[in-house]
């Protein structure tokens, strides 16, 4: 899973008021750490409360073709679709976590067959 996740994230960018890279997340947690605890432990100090949301809310706007998309935009949409499929096909409990008000930290995480934590991380600016 590590190599597939790293390949899926390579060069992938989350578009908001600032464009930020998508990074793979992998931790051998063995099911002992909850996903929320993992996110809390990996947030910058002062990020605020963590909100859980369906992972589809992360991918919905990223996986839809638009009439105005360029060839590069369409390629990015296909890559986000592959990333979503990779996570949904290989992980259970896939959930999006958001923390922050203007500077938002975003995680989309789940658990593999061995209960390890895997997924992606990015950040966004929303004013």
C-alpha atoms as a PDB file:
ATOM      1  CA  UNK A   1       0.000   0.000   0.000  1.00  0.00           C
ATOM      2  CA  UNK A   2       2.851   2.389   0.797  1.00  0.00           C
ATOM      3  CA  UNK A   3       4.220   2.491  -2.759  1.00  0.00           C
ATOM      4  CA  UNK A   4       0.764   2.809  -4.319  1.00  0.00           C
ATOM      5  CA  UNK A   5      -0.175   5.640  -1.980  1.00  0.00           C
ATOM      6  CA  UNK A   6       3.103   7.472  -2.541  1.00  0.00           C
ATOM      7  CA  UNK A   7       2.711   7.128  -6.322  1.00  0.00           C
ATOM      8  CA  UNK A   8      -0.899   8.334  -6.192  1.00  0.00           C
ATOM      9  CA  UNK A   9       0.105  11.449  -4.205  1.00  0.00           C
ATOM     10  CA  UNK A  10       3.228  12.354  -6.192  1.00  0.00           C
ATOM     11  CA  UNK A  11       2.658  15.773  -7.761  1.00  0.00           C
ATOM     12  CA  UNK A  12      -1.007  15.926  -6.690  1.00  0.00           C
ATOM     13  CA  UNK A  13      -2.155  19.358  -5.531  1.00  0.00           C
ATOM     14  CA  UNK A  14      -5.175  20.402  -3.468  1.00  0.00           C
ATOM     15  CA  UNK A  15      -6.517  23.684  -4.812  1.00  0.00           C
ATOM     16  CA  UNK A  16      -7.746  26.330  -2.373  1.00  0.00           C
ATOM     17  CA  UNK A  17      -6.717  29.937  -1.904  1.00  0.00           C
ATOM     18  CA  UNK A  18      -3.236  28.435  -1.834  1.00  0.00           C
ATOM     19  CA  UNK A  19      -2.291  25.259  -3.648  1.00  0.00           C
ATOM     20  CA  UNK A  20      -0.847  22.614  -1.359  1.00  0.00           C
ATOM     21  CA  UNK A  21       0.580  19.193  -2.060  1.00  0.00           C
ATOM     22  CA  UNK A  22      -1.192  16.004  -1.052  1.00  0.00           C
ATOM     23  CA  UNK A  23       1.028  13.858   1.172  1.00  0.00           C
ATOM     24  CA  UNK A  24       0.659  10.173   2.001  1.00  0.00           C
ATOM     25  CA  UNK A  25       0.035   9.169   5.605  1.00  0.00           C
ATOM     26  CA  UNK A  26       1.060   5.741   6.892  1.00  0.00           C
ATOM     27  CA  UNK A  27       1.408   4.690  10.501  1.00  0.00           C
ATOM     28  CA  UNK A  28       1.724   1.226  11.967  1.00  0.00           C
ATOM     29  CA  UNK A  29      -0.828   1.809  14.700  1.00  0.00           C
ATOM     30  CA  UNK A  30      -2.088  -1.723  15.105  1.00  0.00           C
ATOM     31  CA  UNK A  31      -5.540  -0.387  15.963  1.00  0.00           C
ATOM     32  CA  UNK A  32      -4.428   1.053  19.296  1.00  0.00           C
ATOM     33  CA  UNK A  33      -4.731   4.692  18.259  1.00  0.00           C
ATOM     34  CA  UNK A  34      -8.065   6.078  17.065  1.00  0.00           C
ATOM     35  CA  UNK A  35      -8.088   8.077  13.856  1.00  0.00           C
ATOM     36  CA  UNK A  36      -9.072  11.194  15.805  1.00  0.00           C
ATOM     37  CA  UNK A  37      -6.183  10.694  18.239  1.00  0.00           C
ATOM     38  CA  UNK A  38      -3.790  10.320  15.312  1.00  0.00           C
ATOM     39  CA  UNK A  39      -5.032  13.566  13.726  1.00  0.00           C
ATOM     40  CA  UNK A  40      -4.865  15.408  17.047  1.00  0.00           C
ATOM     41  CA  UNK A  41      -1.289  14.262  17.586  1.00  0.00           C
ATOM     42  CA  UNK A  42      -0.260  15.440  14.103  1.00  0.00           C
ATOM     43  CA  UNK A  43      -1.826  18.903  14.078  1.00  0.00           C
ATOM     44  CA  UNK A  44       0.091  22.133  14.570  1.00  0.00           C
ATOM     45  CA  UNK A  45      -0.448  23.687  18.007  1.00  0.00           C
ATOM     46  CA  UNK A  46      -3.556  25.873  18.097  1.00  0.00           C
ATOM     47  CA  UNK A  47      -5.325  24.216  15.165  1.00  0.00           C
ATOM     48  CA  UNK A  48      -8.620  24.108  17.036  1.00  0.00           C
ATOM     49  CA  UNK A  49     -11.207  21.406  17.266  1.00  0.00           C
ATOM     50  CA  UNK A  50     -11.284  18.475  14.870  1.00  0.00           C
ATOM     51  CA  UNK A  51     -14.369  17.946  12.746  1.00  0.00           C
ATOM     52  CA  UNK A  52     -15.141  14.554  11.218  1.00  0.00           C
ATOM     53  CA  UNK A  53     -16.879  14.490   7.848  1.00  0.00           C
ATOM     54  CA  UNK A  54     -17.558  11.887   5.164  1.00  0.00           C
ATOM     55  CA  UNK A  55     -14.553  11.394   2.885  1.00  0.00           C
ATOM     56  CA  UNK A  56     -16.798  12.066  -0.104  1.00  0.00           C
ATOM     57  CA  UNK A  57     -16.878  15.740   0.896  1.00  0.00           C
ATOM     58  CA  UNK A  58     -13.143  15.914   0.253  1.00  0.00           C
ATOM     59  CA  UNK A  59     -13.337  14.224  -3.148  1.00  0.00           C
ATOM     60  CA  UNK A  60     -16.668  15.537  -4.508  1.00  0.00           C
ATOM     61  CA  UNK A  61     -15.358  18.750  -6.063  1.00  0.00           C
ATOM     62  CA  UNK A  62     -12.024  17.191  -7.048  1.00  0.00           C
ATOM     63  CA  UNK A  63     -13.411  14.268  -9.060  1.00  0.00           C
ATOM     64  CA  UNK A  64     -15.953  16.043 -11.290  1.00  0.00           C
ATOM     65  CA  UNK A  65     -15.160  17.046 -14.864  1.00  0.00           C
ATOM     66  CA  UNK A  66     -16.132  20.628 -15.669  1.00  0.00           C
ATOM     67  CA  UNK A  67     -16.751  22.160 -19.112  1.00  0.00           C
ATOM     68  CA  UNK A  68     -14.024  24.729 -18.509  1.00  0.00           C
ATOM     69  CA  UNK A  69     -11.339  22.195 -17.516  1.00  0.00           C
ATOM     70  CA  UNK A  70      -8.130  22.201 -19.505  1.00  0.00           C
ATOM     71  CA  UNK A  71      -6.378  18.957 -20.450  1.00  0.00           C
ATOM     72  CA  UNK A  72      -4.216  19.305 -17.318  1.00  0.00           C
ATOM     73  CA  UNK A  73      -7.309  19.840 -15.145  1.00  0.00           C
ATOM     74  CA  UNK A  74      -8.916  16.697 -16.595  1.00  0.00           C
ATOM     75  CA  UNK A  75      -5.748  14.747 -15.871  1.00  0.00           C
ATOM     76  CA  UNK A  76      -5.834  15.966 -12.247  1.00  0.00           C
ATOM     77  CA  UNK A  77      -9.502  14.897 -11.935  1.00  0.00           C
ATOM     78  CA  UNK A  78      -8.578  11.393 -13.124  1.00  0.00           C
ATOM     79  CA  UNK A  79      -5.738  11.245 -10.583  1.00  0.00           C
ATOM     80  CA  UNK A  80      -8.039  12.269  -7.747  1.00  0.00           C
ATOM     81  CA  UNK A  81     -10.509   9.576  -8.848  1.00  0.00           C
ATOM     82  CA  UNK A  82      -7.708   6.981  -8.721  1.00  0.00           C
ATOM     83  CA  UNK A  83      -6.658   8.212  -5.281  1.00  0.00           C
ATOM     84  CA  UNK A  84     -10.225   8.005  -4.002  1.00  0.00           C
ATOM     85  CA  UNK A  85     -10.580   4.465  -5.394  1.00  0.00           C
ATOM     86  CA  UNK A  86      -7.263   3.434  -3.850  1.00  0.00           C
ATOM     87  CA  UNK A  87      -8.390   4.600  -0.416  1.00  0.00           C
ATOM     88  CA  UNK A  88     -11.930   3.241  -0.649  1.00  0.00           C
ATOM     89  CA  UNK A  89     -10.856  -0.142  -2.045  1.00  0.00           C
ATOM     90  CA  UNK A  90      -8.049  -0.745   0.465  1.00  0.00           C
ATOM     91  CA  UNK A  91      -9.133   0.939   3.695  1.00  0.00           C
ATOM     92  CA  UNK A  92     -12.026   0.706   6.133  1.00  0.00           C
ATOM     93  CA  UNK A  93     -13.492   3.575   8.158  1.00  0.00           C
ATOM     94  CA  UNK A  94     -12.330   6.162   5.583  1.00  0.00           C
ATOM     95  CA  UNK A  95     -13.124   9.577   7.056  1.00  0.00           C
ATOM     96  CA  UNK A  96     -12.149  13.190   6.450  1.00  0.00           C
ATOM     97  CA  UNK A  97     -10.888  15.226   9.401  1.00  0.00           C
ATOM     98  CA  UNK A  98     -10.604  19.023   9.316  1.00  0.00           C
ATOM     99  CA  UNK A  99      -9.152  21.390  11.890  1.00  0.00           C
ATOM    100  CA  UNK A 100      -8.629  25.127  11.824  1.00  0.00           C
ATOM    101  CA  UNK A 101     -10.525  28.206  10.691  1.00  0.00           C
ATOM    102  CA  UNK A 102      -8.562  30.000   7.982  1.00  0.00           C
ATOM    103  CA  UNK A 103      -5.534  27.708   7.801  1.00  0.00           C
ATOM    104  CA  UNK A 104      -7.251  24.313   7.545  1.00  0.00           C
ATOM    105  CA  UNK A 105      -5.469  21.010   8.118  1.00  0.00           C
ATOM    106  CA  UNK A 106      -7.152  18.171   6.229  1.00  0.00           C
ATOM    107  CA  UNK A 107      -6.681  14.420   6.641  1.00  0.00           C
ATOM    108  CA  UNK A 108      -8.512  11.628   4.798  1.00  0.00           C
ATOM    109  CA  UNK A 109      -7.715   8.479   6.737  1.00  0.00           C
ATOM    110  CA  UNK A 110      -8.782   4.893   7.195  1.00  0.00           C
ATOM    111  CA  UNK A 111      -7.446   1.567   8.371  1.00  0.00           C
ATOM    112  CA  UNK A 112      -5.890  -1.239   6.380  1.00  0.00           C
ATOM    113  CA  UNK A 113      -6.430  -4.960   7.005  1.00  0.00           C
ATOM    114  CA  UNK A 114      -3.873  -4.890   9.827  1.00  0.00           C
ATOM    115  CA  UNK A 115      -5.604  -1.861  11.473  1.00  0.00           C
ATOM    116  CA  UNK A 116      -2.762   0.483  10.530  1.00  0.00           C
ATOM    117  CA  UNK A 117      -3.643   4.076   9.711  1.00  0.00           C
ATOM    118  CA  UNK A 118      -3.280   5.159   6.075  1.00  0.00           C
ATOM    119  CA  UNK A 119      -4.507   7.958   3.874  1.00  0.00           C
ATOM    120  CA  UNK A 120      -3.556  11.468   2.835  1.00  0.00           C
ATOM    121  CA  UNK A 121      -2.936  14.867   4.323  1.00  0.00           C
ATOM    122  CA  UNK A 122      -3.017  18.409   2.971  1.00  0.00           C
ATOM    123  CA  UNK A 123      -3.861  21.927   4.052  1.00  0.00           C
ATOM    124  CA  UNK A 124      -5.960  24.734   2.671  1.00  0.00           C
ATOM    125  CA  UNK A 125      -6.564  28.402   3.191  1.00  0.00           C
ATOM    126  CA  UNK A 126     -10.212  29.411   3.362  1.00  0.00           C
ATOM    127  CA  UNK A 127     -11.139  33.032   4.041  1.00  0.00           C
END
